[in-house]
Amino acid sequence: MKLMRLGLAGHERPVVRVDEGHYVDVSDVVPDFDERFFGATATGGGMLGLERVVAERIAAGSVHPFVGADGAVERVGAPIARPHQILCIGLNYSDHAAESGIPTPSSGPTTM
C-alpha cells in the first residue's frame, strides 16, 4: 500500500494511493499516519486493519481522482505526520566508508 496525506499544510488527511490517478480516503477510520497508527499494527490495527478497508472500498468503487472536475490538483503532504524519529544512513565521506570496511562511493564528496 502506498500511504499519502492530502490537503492544505497542517490539515492533511490520510489516503491510500490506488494508481497514478486515484486514491481511497481513509480519514474516517484512521486519524492520521503517525506513531499511534504504526504502533497499532501489533494489536491488529494499523496497516493490517487498513488493508481490508482499502480493498472493500476499491471493490465498491469508492475511489477519488487526484485531479478534481475543475482541474485542481490536491496538495500532497508529508506521508507521515510528526515522525517520532528520522534515521538516515549513508556513506557520504571516505572516513565513513573506511570505518565500515566498504569501498568509497563513486559519487558525492570523498573527503571532509
PDB file of N, CA and C in Angstrom:
ATOM      1  N   MET A   1       0.836  -1.179   0.000  1.00  0.00           N
ATOM      2  CA  MET A   1       0.000   0.000   0.000  1.00  0.00           C
ATOM      3  C   MET A   1       0.879   1.240   0.000  1.00  0.00           C
ATOM      4  N   LYS A   2       0.394   2.236  -0.683  1.00  0.00           N
ATOM      5  CA  LYS A   2       1.121   3.499  -0.752  1.00  0.00           C
ATOM      6  C   LYS A   2       0.340   4.547   0.030  1.00  0.00           C
ATOM      7  N   LEU A   3       0.863   4.868   1.203  1.00  0.00           N
ATOM      8  CA  LEU A   3       0.210   5.817   2.081  1.00  0.00           C
ATOM      9  C   LEU A   3       0.545   7.243   1.663  1.00  0.00           C
ATOM     10  N   MET A   4      -0.451   8.115   1.735  1.00  0.00           N
ATOM     11  CA  MET A   4      -0.257   9.519   1.386  1.00  0.00           C
ATOM     12  C   MET A   4      -1.084  10.367   2.342  1.00  0.00           C
ATOM     13  N   ARG A   5      -0.770  11.640   2.373  1.00  0.00           N
ATOM     14  CA  ARG A   5      -1.583  12.615   3.105  1.00  0.00           C
ATOM     15  C   ARG A   5      -1.842  13.773   2.164  1.00  0.00           C
ATOM     16  N   LEU A   6      -3.124  14.092   1.955  1.00  0.00           N
ATOM     17  CA  LEU A   6      -3.519  15.140   1.022  1.00  0.00           C
ATOM     18  C   LEU A   6      -4.210  16.277   1.746  1.00  0.00           C
ATOM     19  N   GLY A   7      -4.040  17.478   1.246  1.00  0.00           N
ATOM     20  CA  GLY A   7      -4.757  18.625   1.786  1.00  0.00           C
ATOM     21  C   GLY A   7      -3.837  19.791   2.075  1.00  0.00           C
ATOM     22  N   LEU A   8      -4.432  20.840   2.615  1.00  0.00           N
ATOM     23  CA  LEU A   8      -3.666  22.037   2.960  1.00  0.00           C
ATOM     24  C   LEU A   8      -2.644  21.735   4.050  1.00  0.00           C
ATOM     25  N   ALA A   9      -1.545  22.443   4.053  1.00  0.00           N
ATOM     26  CA  ALA A   9      -0.489  22.252   5.055  1.00  0.00           C
ATOM     27  C   ALA A   9      -1.076  22.367   6.462  1.00  0.00           C
ATOM     28  N   GLY A  10      -0.801  21.350   7.266  1.00  0.00           N
ATOM     29  CA  GLY A  10      -1.307  21.317   8.630  1.00  0.00           C
ATOM     30  C   GLY A  10      -2.702  20.742   8.757  1.00  0.00           C
ATOM     31  N   HIS A  11      -3.336  20.472   7.623  1.00  0.00           N
ATOM     32  CA  HIS A  11      -4.697  19.924   7.624  1.00  0.00           C
ATOM     33  C   HIS A  11      -4.816  18.735   6.673  1.00  0.00           C
ATOM     34  N   GLU A  12      -3.730  17.999   6.479  1.00  0.00           N
ATOM     35  CA  GLU A  12      -3.737  16.862   5.575  1.00  0.00           C
ATOM     36  C   GLU A  12      -4.619  15.744   6.139  1.00  0.00           C
ATOM     37  N   ARG A  13      -5.156  14.935   5.235  1.00  0.00           N
ATOM     38  CA  ARG A  13      -5.930  13.763   5.644  1.00  0.00           C
ATOM     39  C   ARG A  13      -5.282  12.517   5.055  1.00  0.00           C
ATOM     40  N   PRO A  14      -5.363  11.390   5.750  1.00  0.00           N
ATOM     41  CA  PRO A  14      -4.723  10.169   5.272  1.00  0.00           C
ATOM     42  C   PRO A  14      -5.523   9.516   4.140  1.00  0.00           C
ATOM     43  N   VAL A  15      -4.801   9.108   3.119  1.00  0.00           N
ATOM     44  CA  VAL A  15      -5.398   8.405   1.978  1.00  0.00           C
ATOM     45  C   VAL A  15      -4.436   7.289   1.559  1.00  0.00           C
ATOM     46  N   VAL A  16      -4.944   6.375   0.734  1.00  0.00           N
ATOM     47  CA  VAL A  16      -4.108   5.310   0.173  1.00  0.00           C
ATOM     48  C   VAL A  16      -4.195   5.418  -1.343  1.00  0.00           C
ATOM     49  N   ARG A  17      -3.047   5.512  -1.979  1.00  0.00           N
ATOM     50  CA  ARG A  17      -2.984   5.629  -3.445  1.00  0.00           C
ATOM     51  C   ARG A  17      -3.358   4.291  -4.071  1.00  0.00           C
ATOM     52  N   VAL A  18      -4.278   4.327  -5.025  1.00  0.00           N
ATOM     53  CA  VAL A  18      -4.718   3.126  -5.730  1.00  0.00           C
ATOM     54  C   VAL A  18      -3.915   2.951  -7.017  1.00  0.00           C
ATOM     55  N   ASP A  19      -3.768   4.039  -7.773  1.00  0.00           N
ATOM     56  CA  ASP A  19      -2.996   4.028  -9.010  1.00  0.00           C
ATOM     57  C   ASP A  19      -2.535   5.461  -9.278  1.00  0.00           C
ATOM     58  N   GLU A  20      -2.028   5.721 -10.473  1.00  0.00           N
ATOM     59  CA  GLU A  20      -1.486   7.038 -10.793  1.00  0.00           C
ATOM     60  C   GLU A  20      -2.511   8.162 -10.653  1.00  0.00           C
ATOM     61  N   GLY A  21      -3.789   7.857 -10.816  1.00  0.00           N
ATOM     62  CA  GLY A  21      -4.781   8.911 -10.827  1.00  0.00           C
ATOM     63  C   GLY A  21      -5.830   8.872  -9.725  1.00  0.00           C
ATOM     64  N   HIS A  22      -5.762   7.838  -8.844  1.00  0.00           N
ATOM     65  CA  HIS A  22      -6.839   7.671  -7.868  1.00  0.00           C
ATOM     66  C   HIS A  22      -6.345   7.291  -6.478  1.00  0.00           C
ATOM     67  N   TYR A  23      -7.181   7.606  -5.498  1.00  0.00           N
ATOM     68  CA  TYR A  23      -6.881   7.255  -4.113  1.00  0.00           C
ATOM     69  C   TYR A  23      -8.162   6.868  -3.384  1.00  0.00           C
ATOM     70  N   VAL A  24      -7.982   6.220  -2.233  1.00  0.00           N
ATOM     71  CA  VAL A  24      -9.074   5.898  -1.328  1.00  0.00           C
ATOM     72  C   VAL A  24      -8.871   6.747  -0.083  1.00  0.00           C
ATOM     73  N   ASP A  25      -9.892   7.497   0.299  1.00  0.00           N
ATOM     74  CA  ASP A  25      -9.838   8.314   1.515  1.00  0.00           C
ATOM     75  C   ASP A  25     -10.098   7.404   2.714  1.00  0.00           C
ATOM     76  N   VAL A  26      -9.196   7.403   3.681  1.00  0.00           N
ATOM     77  CA  VAL A  26      -9.355   6.567   4.878  1.00  0.00           C
ATOM     78  C   VAL A  26      -9.401   7.429   6.145  1.00  0.00           C
ATOM     79  N   SER A  27      -9.650   8.721   5.985  1.00  0.00           N
ATOM     80  CA  SER A  27      -9.624   9.624   7.130  1.00  0.00           C
ATOM     81  C   SER A  27     -10.745   9.347   8.130  1.00  0.00           C
ATOM     82  N   ASP A  28     -11.776   8.620   7.716  1.00  0.00           N
ATOM     83  CA  ASP A  28     -12.851   8.282   8.643  1.00  0.00           C
ATOM     84  C   ASP A  28     -12.505   7.101   9.547  1.00  0.00           C
ATOM     85  N   VAL A  29     -11.477   6.332   9.184  1.00  0.00           N
ATOM     86  CA  VAL A  29     -11.075   5.181  10.012  1.00  0.00           C
ATOM     87  C   VAL A  29      -9.681   5.335  10.614  1.00  0.00           C
ATOM     88  N   VAL A  30      -8.890   6.242  10.072  1.00  0.00           N
ATOM     89  CA  VAL A  30      -7.529   6.483  10.550  1.00  0.00           C
ATOM     90  C   VAL A  30      -7.366   7.988  10.759  1.00  0.00           C
ATOM     91  N   PRO A  31      -7.146   8.438  11.990  1.00  0.00           N
ATOM     92  CA  PRO A  31      -6.982   9.877  12.196  1.00  0.00           C
ATOM     93  C   PRO A  31      -5.803  10.468  11.433  1.00  0.00           C
ATOM     94  N   ASP A  32      -4.699   9.727  11.377  1.00  0.00           N
ATOM     95  CA  ASP A  32      -3.518  10.186  10.652  1.00  0.00           C
ATOM     96  C   ASP A  32      -2.503   9.059  10.591  1.00  0.00           C
ATOM     97  N   PHE A  33      -1.552   9.175   9.688  1.00  0.00           N
ATOM     98  CA  PHE A  33      -0.448   8.223   9.626  1.00  0.00           C
ATOM     99  C   PHE A  33       0.643   8.759  10.533  1.00  0.00           C
ATOM    100  N   ASP A  34       0.618   8.347  11.780  1.00  0.00           N
ATOM    101  CA  ASP A  34       1.541   8.842  12.789  1.00  0.00           C
ATOM    102  C   ASP A  34       2.021   7.678  13.653  1.00  0.00           C
ATOM    103  N   GLU A  35       2.720   8.006  14.724  1.00  0.00           N
ATOM    104  CA  GLU A  35       3.291   6.980  15.604  1.00  0.00           C
ATOM    105  C   GLU A  35       2.214   6.040  16.144  1.00  0.00           C
ATOM    106  N   ARG A  36       1.066   6.569  16.492  1.00  0.00           N
ATOM    107  CA  ARG A  36      -0.023   5.738  17.024  1.00  0.00           C
ATOM    108  C   ARG A  36      -0.514   4.741  15.978  1.00  0.00           C
ATOM    109  N   PHE A  37      -0.664   5.206  14.726  1.00  0.00           N
ATOM    110  CA  PHE A  37      -1.120   4.322  13.651  1.00  0.00           C
ATOM    111  C   PHE A  37      -0.142   3.175  13.434  1.00  0.00           C
ATOM    112  N   PHE A  38       1.151   3.485  13.317  1.00  0.00           N
ATOM    113  CA  PHE A  38       2.129   2.434  13.043  1.00  0.00           C
ATOM    114  C   PHE A  38       2.325   1.514  14.244  1.00  0.00           C
ATOM    115  N   GLY A  39       2.124   2.001  15.456  1.00  0.00           N
ATOM    116  CA  GLY A  39       2.212   1.178  16.650  1.00  0.00           C
ATOM    117  C   GLY A  39       1.040   0.234  16.795  1.00  0.00           C
ATOM    118  N   ALA A  40      -0.093   0.538  16.151  1.00  0.00           N
ATOM    119  CA  ALA A  40      -1.300  -0.277  16.267  1.00  0.00           C
ATOM    120  C   ALA A  40      -1.203  -1.572  15.476  1.00  0.00           C
ATOM    121  N   THR A  41      -0.216  -1.719  14.617  1.00  0.00           N
ATOM    122  CA  THR A  41      -0.081  -2.929  13.814  1.00  0.00           C
ATOM    123  C   THR A  41       0.024  -4.164  14.700  1.00  0.00           C
ATOM    124  N   ALA A  42       0.702  -4.052  15.819  1.00  0.00           N
ATOM    125  CA  ALA A  42       0.879  -5.194  16.720  1.00  0.00           C
ATOM    126  C   ALA A  42      -0.440  -5.649  17.332  1.00  0.00           C
ATOM    127  N   THR A  43      -1.435  -4.772  17.393  1.00  0.00           N
ATOM    128  CA  THR A  43      -2.720  -5.126  18.001  1.00  0.00           C
ATOM    129  C   THR A  43      -3.797  -5.403  16.951  1.00  0.00           C
ATOM    130  N   GLY A  44      -3.402  -5.559  15.699  1.00  0.00           N
ATOM    131  CA  GLY A  44      -4.360  -5.866  14.642  1.00  0.00           C
ATOM    132  C   GLY A  44      -4.889  -4.647  13.917  1.00  0.00           C
ATOM    133  N   GLY A  45      -4.469  -3.470  14.317  1.00  0.00           N
ATOM    134  CA  GLY A  45      -4.879  -2.244  13.634  1.00  0.00           C
ATOM    135  C   GLY A  45      -3.808  -1.844  12.651  1.00  0.00           C
ATOM    136  N   GLY A  46      -3.605  -0.569  12.495  1.00  0.00           N
ATOM    137  CA  GLY A  46      -2.553  -0.075  11.618  1.00  0.00           C
ATOM    138  C   GLY A  46      -2.687  -0.592  10.203  1.00  0.00           C
ATOM    139  N   MET A  47      -1.585  -0.964   9.621  1.00  0.00           N
ATOM    140  CA  MET A  47      -1.556  -1.426   8.231  1.00  0.00           C
ATOM    141  C   MET A  47      -2.438  -2.659   8.029  1.00  0.00           C
ATOM    142  N   LEU A  48      -2.443  -3.583   8.994  1.00  0.00           N
ATOM    143  CA  LEU A  48      -3.232  -4.804   8.839  1.00  0.00           C
ATOM    144  C   LEU A  48      -4.720  -4.505   8.712  1.00  0.00           C
ATOM    145  N   GLY A  49      -5.219  -3.656   9.571  1.00  0.00           N
ATOM    146  CA  GLY A  49      -6.629  -3.302   9.508  1.00  0.00           C
ATOM    147  C   GLY A  49      -6.964  -2.455   8.294  1.00  0.00           C
ATOM    148  N   LEU A  50      -6.028  -1.644   7.860  1.00  0.00           N
ATOM    149  CA  LEU A  50      -6.258  -0.745   6.739  1.00  0.00           C
ATOM    150  C   LEU A  50      -6.374  -1.496   5.413  1.00  0.00           C
ATOM    151  N   GLU A  51      -5.640  -2.576   5.258  1.00  0.00           N
ATOM    152  CA  GLU A  51      -5.684  -3.349   4.007  1.00  0.00           C
ATOM    153  C   GLU A  51      -7.110  -3.795   3.686  1.00  0.00           C
ATOM    154  N   ARG A  52      -7.834  -4.274   4.678  1.00  0.00           N
ATOM    155  CA  ARG A  52      -9.204  -4.739   4.475  1.00  0.00           C
ATOM    156  C   ARG A  52     -10.109  -3.577   4.060  1.00  0.00           C
ATOM    157  N   VAL A  53      -9.998  -2.462   4.763  1.00  0.00           N
ATOM    158  CA  VAL A  53     -10.826  -1.284   4.463  1.00  0.00           C
ATOM    159  C   VAL A  53     -10.583  -0.812   3.032  1.00  0.00           C
ATOM    160  N   VAL A  54      -9.336  -0.717   2.635  1.00  0.00           N
ATOM    161  CA  VAL A  54      -8.995  -0.239   1.291  1.00  0.00           C
ATOM    162  C   VAL A  54      -9.531  -1.204   0.235  1.00  0.00           C
ATOM    163  N   ALA A  55      -9.357  -2.505   0.441  1.00  0.00           N
ATOM    164  CA  ALA A  55      -9.854  -3.498  -0.519  1.00  0.00           C
ATOM    165  C   ALA A  55     -11.369  -3.396  -0.677  1.00  0.00           C
ATOM    166  N   GLU A  56     -12.086  -3.227   0.430  1.00  0.00           N
ATOM    167  CA  GLU A  56     -13.544  -3.098   0.379  1.00  0.00           C
ATOM    168  C   GLU A  56     -13.949  -1.838  -0.386  1.00  0.00           C
ATOM    169  N   ARG A  57     -13.260  -0.764  -0.172  1.00  0.00           N
ATOM    170  CA  ARG A  57     -13.613   0.495  -0.835  1.00  0.00           C
ATOM    171  C   ARG A  57     -13.300   0.463  -2.325  1.00  0.00           C
ATOM    172  N   ILE A  58     -12.208  -0.174  -2.681  1.00  0.00           N
ATOM    173  CA  ILE A  58     -11.892  -0.310  -4.110  1.00  0.00           C
ATOM    174  C   ILE A  58     -12.960  -1.158  -4.785  1.00  0.00           C
ATOM    175  N   ALA A  59     -13.341  -2.284  -4.151  1.00  0.00           N
ATOM    176  CA  ALA A  59     -14.367  -3.163  -4.712  1.00  0.00           C
ATOM    177  C   ALA A  59     -15.699  -2.435  -4.864  1.00  0.00           C
ATOM    178  N   ALA A  60     -16.004  -1.520  -3.950  1.00  0.00           N
ATOM    179  CA  ALA A  60     -17.255  -0.762  -4.001  1.00  0.00           C
ATOM    180  C   ALA A  60     -17.173   0.438  -4.936  1.00  0.00           C
ATOM    181  N   GLY A  61     -15.992   0.686  -5.504  1.00  0.00           N
ATOM    182  CA  GLY A  61     -15.819   1.812  -6.410  1.00  0.00           C
ATOM    183  C   GLY A  61     -15.680   3.144  -5.695  1.00  0.00           C
ATOM    184  N   SER A  62     -15.349   3.097  -4.422  1.00  0.00           N
ATOM    185  CA  SER A  62     -15.211   4.325  -3.630  1.00  0.00           C
ATOM    186  C   SER A  62     -13.779   4.850  -3.736  1.00  0.00           C
ATOM    187  N   VAL A  63     -13.420   5.278  -4.949  1.00  0.00           N
ATOM    188  CA  VAL A  63     -12.099   5.847  -5.202  1.00  0.00           C
ATOM    189  C   VAL A  63     -12.293   7.274  -5.702  1.00  0.00           C
ATOM    190  N   HIS A  64     -11.291   8.092  -5.498  1.00  0.00           N
ATOM    191  CA  HIS A  64     -11.374   9.501  -5.853  1.00  0.00           C
ATOM    192  C   HIS A  64     -10.202   9.872  -6.755  1.00  0.00           C
ATOM    193  N   PRO A  65     -10.415  10.772  -7.719  1.00  0.00           N
ATOM    194  CA  PRO A  65      -9.310  11.210  -8.584  1.00  0.00           C
ATOM    195  C   PRO A  65      -8.463  12.264  -7.877  1.00  0.00           C
ATOM    196  N   PHE A  66      -7.181  12.272  -8.194  1.00  0.00           N
ATOM    197  CA  PHE A  66      -6.288  13.303  -7.657  1.00  0.00           C
ATOM    198  C   PHE A  66      -6.615  14.669  -8.254  1.00  0.00           C
ATOM    199  N   VAL A  67      -7.127  14.671  -9.478  1.00  0.00           N
ATOM    200  CA  VAL A  67      -7.473  15.914 -10.161  1.00  0.00           C
ATOM    201  C   VAL A  67      -8.985  16.062 -10.139  1.00  0.00           C
ATOM    202  N   GLY A  68      -9.474  17.157  -9.583  1.00  0.00           N
ATOM    203  CA  GLY A  68     -10.905  17.409  -9.499  1.00  0.00           C
ATOM    204  C   GLY A  68     -11.506  17.783 -10.845  1.00  0.00           C
ATOM    205  N   ALA A  69     -12.823  17.849 -10.901  1.00  0.00           N
ATOM    206  CA  ALA A  69     -13.533  18.204 -12.128  1.00  0.00           C
ATOM    207  C   ALA A  69     -13.130  19.594 -12.620  1.00  0.00           C
ATOM    208  N   ASP A  70     -12.732  20.464 -11.686  1.00  0.00           N
ATOM    209  CA  ASP A  70     -12.315  21.816 -12.050  1.00  0.00           C
ATOM    210  C   ASP A  70     -10.842  21.894 -12.456  1.00  0.00           C
ATOM    211  N   GLY A  71     -10.162  20.736 -12.479  1.00  0.00           N
ATOM    212  CA  GLY A  71      -8.750  20.690 -12.858  1.00  0.00           C
ATOM    213  C   GLY A  71      -7.791  20.930 -11.712  1.00  0.00           C
ATOM    214  N   ALA A  72      -8.321  21.185 -10.521  1.00  0.00           N
ATOM    215  CA  ALA A  72      -7.463  21.416  -9.353  1.00  0.00           C
ATOM    216  C   ALA A  72      -6.845  20.103  -8.877  1.00  0.00           C
ATOM    217  N   VAL A  73      -5.573  20.175  -8.549  1.00  0.00           N
ATOM    218  CA  VAL A  73      -4.846  19.008  -8.049  1.00  0.00           C
ATOM    219  C   VAL A  73      -4.655  19.173  -6.549  1.00  0.00           C
ATOM    220  N   GLU A  74      -4.917  18.099  -5.810  1.00  0.00           N
ATOM    221  CA  GLU A  74      -4.764  18.159  -4.356  1.00  0.00           C
ATOM    222  C   GLU A  74      -3.290  18.235  -3.973  1.00  0.00           C
ATOM    223  N   ARG A  75      -2.992  18.995  -2.944  1.00  0.00           N
ATOM    224  CA  ARG A  75      -1.631  19.107  -2.424  1.00  0.00           C
ATOM    225  C   ARG A  75      -1.256  17.813  -1.718  1.00  0.00           C
ATOM    226  N   VAL A  76      -0.064  17.306  -2.007  1.00  0.00           N
ATOM    227  CA  VAL A  76       0.460  16.112  -1.348  1.00  0.00           C
ATOM    228  C   VAL A  76       1.370  16.568  -0.214  1.00  0.00           C
ATOM    229  N   GLY A  77       1.067  16.145   1.000  1.00  0.00           N
ATOM    230  CA  GLY A  77       1.871  16.497   2.169  1.00  0.00           C
ATOM    231  C   GLY A  77       2.872  15.410   2.493  1.00  0.00           C
ATOM    232  N   ALA A  78       3.569  15.575   3.585  1.00  0.00           N
ATOM    233  CA  ALA A  78       4.498  14.546   4.055  1.00  0.00           C
ATOM    234  C   ALA A  78       3.710  13.265   4.320  1.00  0.00           C
ATOM    235  N   PRO A  79       4.250  12.099   3.961  1.00  0.00           N
ATOM    236  CA  PRO A  79       3.494  10.864   4.120  1.00  0.00           C
ATOM    237  C   PRO A  79       3.266  10.443   5.574  1.00  0.00           C
ATOM    238  N   ILE A  80       4.123  10.890   6.480  1.00  0.00           N
ATOM    239  CA  ILE A  80       3.985  10.528   7.890  1.00  0.00           C
ATOM    240  C   ILE A  80       3.903  11.810   8.705  1.00  0.00           C
ATOM    241  N   ALA A  81       2.874  11.891   9.529  1.00  0.00           N
ATOM    242  CA  ALA A  81       2.691  13.065  10.383  1.00  0.00           C
ATOM    243  C   ALA A  81       3.560  12.944  11.622  1.00  0.00           C
ATOM    244  N   ARG A  82       4.258  14.002  11.952  1.00  0.00           N
ATOM    245  CA  ARG A  82       5.036  14.065  13.186  1.00  0.00           C
ATOM    246  C   ARG A  82       5.838  12.782  13.467  1.00  0.00           C
ATOM    247  N   PRO A  83       6.783  12.432  12.615  1.00  0.00           N
ATOM    248  CA  PRO A  83       7.552  11.204  12.859  1.00  0.00           C
ATOM    249  C   PRO A  83       8.296  11.269  14.188  1.00  0.00           C
ATOM    250  N   HIS A  84       8.312  10.144  14.885  1.00  0.00           N
ATOM    251  CA  HIS A  84       8.988  10.059  16.176  1.00  0.00           C
ATOM    252  C   HIS A  84      10.492  10.232  16.003  1.00  0.00           C
ATOM    253  N   GLN A  85      11.035   9.567  15.002  1.00  0.00           N
ATOM    254  CA  GLN A  85      12.471   9.647  14.716  1.00  0.00           C
ATOM    255  C   GLN A  85      12.673   9.614  13.211  1.00  0.00           C
ATOM    256  N   ILE A  86      13.734  10.238  12.778  1.00  0.00           N
ATOM    257  CA  ILE A  86      14.152  10.119  11.389  1.00  0.00           C
ATOM    258  C   ILE A  86      15.583   9.616  11.423  1.00  0.00           C
ATOM    259  N   LEU A  87      15.794   8.445  10.882  1.00  0.00           N
ATOM    260  CA  LEU A  87      17.123   7.848  10.864  1.00  0.00           C
ATOM    261  C   LEU A  87      17.647   7.861   9.438  1.00  0.00           C
ATOM    262  N   CYS A  88      18.853   8.344   9.262  1.00  0.00           N
ATOM    263  CA  CYS A  88      19.470   8.393   7.946  1.00  0.00           C
ATOM    264  C   CYS A  88      20.779   7.620   7.993  1.00  0.00           C
ATOM    265  N   ILE A  89      20.982   6.826   6.980  1.00  0.00           N
ATOM    266  CA  ILE A  89      22.200   6.029   6.904  1.00  0.00           C
ATOM    267  C   ILE A  89      22.828   6.296   5.546  1.00  0.00           C
ATOM    268  N   GLY A  90      24.109   6.577   5.537  1.00  0.00           N
ATOM    269  CA  GLY A  90      24.776   6.827   4.272  1.00  0.00           C
ATOM    270  C   GLY A  90      26.279   6.805   4.427  1.00  0.00           C
ATOM    271  N   LEU A  91      26.940   6.645   3.321  1.00  0.00           N
ATOM    272  CA  LEU A  91      28.403   6.686   3.285  1.00  0.00           C
ATOM    273  C   LEU A  91      28.775   7.918   2.465  1.00  0.00           C
ATOM    274  N   ASN A  92      28.727   9.065   3.117  1.00  0.00           N
ATOM    275  CA  ASN A  92      28.979  10.308   2.403  1.00  0.00           C
ATOM    276  C   ASN A  92      30.448  10.688   2.339  1.00  0.00           C
ATOM    277  N   TYR A  93      31.255  10.160   3.214  1.00  0.00           N
ATOM    278  CA  TYR A  93      32.642  10.574   3.285  1.00  0.00           C
ATOM    279  C   TYR A  93      33.556   9.361   3.330  1.00  0.00           C
ATOM    280  N   SER A  94      34.759   9.554   2.879  1.00  0.00           N
ATOM    281  CA  SER A  94      35.710   8.437   2.808  1.00  0.00           C
ATOM    282  C   SER A  94      35.976   7.836   4.180  1.00  0.00           C
ATOM    283  N   ASP A  95      35.974   8.661   5.250  1.00  0.00           N
ATOM    284  CA  ASP A  95      36.195   8.130   6.600  1.00  0.00           C
ATOM    285  C   ASP A  95      35.093   7.150   6.996  1.00  0.00           C
ATOM    286  N   HIS A  96      33.855   7.477   6.678  1.00  0.00           N
ATOM    287  CA  HIS A  96      32.741   6.582   6.999  1.00  0.00           C
ATOM    288  C   HIS A  96      32.890   5.260   6.266  1.00  0.00           C
ATOM    289  N   ALA A  97      33.244   5.348   4.996  1.00  0.00           N
ATOM    290  CA  ALA A  97      33.415   4.130   4.201  1.00  0.00           C
ATOM    291  C   ALA A  97      34.551   3.294   4.772  1.00  0.00           C
ATOM    292  N   ALA A  98      35.659   3.928   5.126  1.00  0.00           N
ATOM    293  CA  ALA A  98      36.808   3.196   5.671  1.00  0.00           C
ATOM    294  C   ALA A  98      36.452   2.534   7.000  1.00  0.00           C
ATOM    295  N   GLU A  99      35.736   3.248   7.875  1.00  0.00           N
ATOM    296  CA  GLU A  99      35.319   2.687   9.160  1.00  0.00           C
ATOM    297  C   GLU A  99      34.423   1.473   8.979  1.00  0.00           C
ATOM    298  N   SER A 100      33.628   1.488   7.910  1.00  0.00           N
ATOM    299  CA  SER A 100      32.693   0.394   7.652  1.00  0.00           C
ATOM    300  C   SER A 100      33.314  -0.728   6.839  1.00  0.00           C
ATOM    301  N   GLY A 101      34.519  -0.516   6.335  1.00  0.00           N
ATOM    302  CA  GLY A 101      35.169  -1.528   5.501  1.00  0.00           C
ATOM    303  C   GLY A 101      34.516  -1.654   4.134  1.00  0.00           C
ATOM    304  N   ILE A 102      33.933  -0.558   3.671  1.00  0.00           N
ATOM    305  CA  ILE A 102      33.231  -0.544   2.386  1.00  0.00           C
ATOM    306  C   ILE A 102      33.976   0.399   1.448  1.00  0.00           C
ATOM    307  N   PRO A 103      34.037   0.068   0.156  1.00  0.00           N
ATOM    308  CA  PRO A 103      34.720   0.957  -0.790  1.00  0.00           C
ATOM    309  C   PRO A 103      34.106   2.357  -0.793  1.00  0.00           C
ATOM    310  N   THR A 104      34.928   3.354  -1.066  1.00  0.00           N
ATOM    311  CA  THR A 104      34.461   4.735  -1.138  1.00  0.00           C
ATOM    312  C   THR A 104      33.436   4.862  -2.253  1.00  0.00           C
ATOM    313  N   PRO A 105      32.301   5.534  -1.968  1.00  0.00           N
ATOM    314  CA  PRO A 105      31.298   5.729  -3.027  1.00  0.00           C
ATOM    315  C   PRO A 105      31.895   6.419  -4.239  1.00  0.00           C
ATOM    316  N   SER A 106      31.388   6.079  -5.443  1.00  0.00           N
ATOM    317  CA  SER A 106      31.933   6.647  -6.669  1.00  0.00           C
ATOM    318  C   SER A 106      31.402   8.054  -6.954  1.00  0.00           C
ATOM    319  N   SER A 107      30.355   8.495  -6.257  1.00  0.00           N
ATOM    320  CA  SER A 107      29.842   9.836  -6.486  1.00  0.00           C
ATOM    321  C   SER A 107      29.701  10.561  -5.154  1.00  0.00           C
ATOM    322  N   GLY A 108      29.624  11.876  -5.208  1.00  0.00           N
ATOM    323  CA  GLY A 108      29.489  12.663  -3.999  1.00  0.00           C
ATOM    324  C   GLY A 108      30.836  12.970  -3.408  1.00  0.00           C
ATOM    325  N   PRO A 109      30.861  13.673  -2.267  1.00  0.00           N
ATOM    326  CA  PRO A 109      32.120  14.042  -1.619  1.00  0.00           C
ATOM    327  C   PRO A 109      32.890  12.804  -1.171  1.00  0.00           C
ATOM    328  N   THR A 110      34.203  12.870  -1.296  1.00  0.00           N
ATOM    329  CA  THR A 110      35.019  11.733  -0.855  1.00  0.00           C
ATOM    330  C   THR A 110      35.925  12.095   0.295  1.00  0.00           C
ATOM    331  N   THR A 111      36.007  13.375   0.657  1.00  0.00           N
ATOM    332  CA  THR A 111      36.818  13.777   1.820  1.00  0.00           C
ATOM    333  C   THR A 111      36.065  14.836   2.599  1.00  0.00           C
ATOM    334  N   MET A 112      36.422  15.003   3.854  1.00  0.00           N
ATOM    335  CA  MET A 112      35.788  16.033   4.673  1.00  0.00           C
ATOM    336  C   MET A 112      36.632  17.282   4.653  1.00  0.00           C
TER     337      MET A 112
END
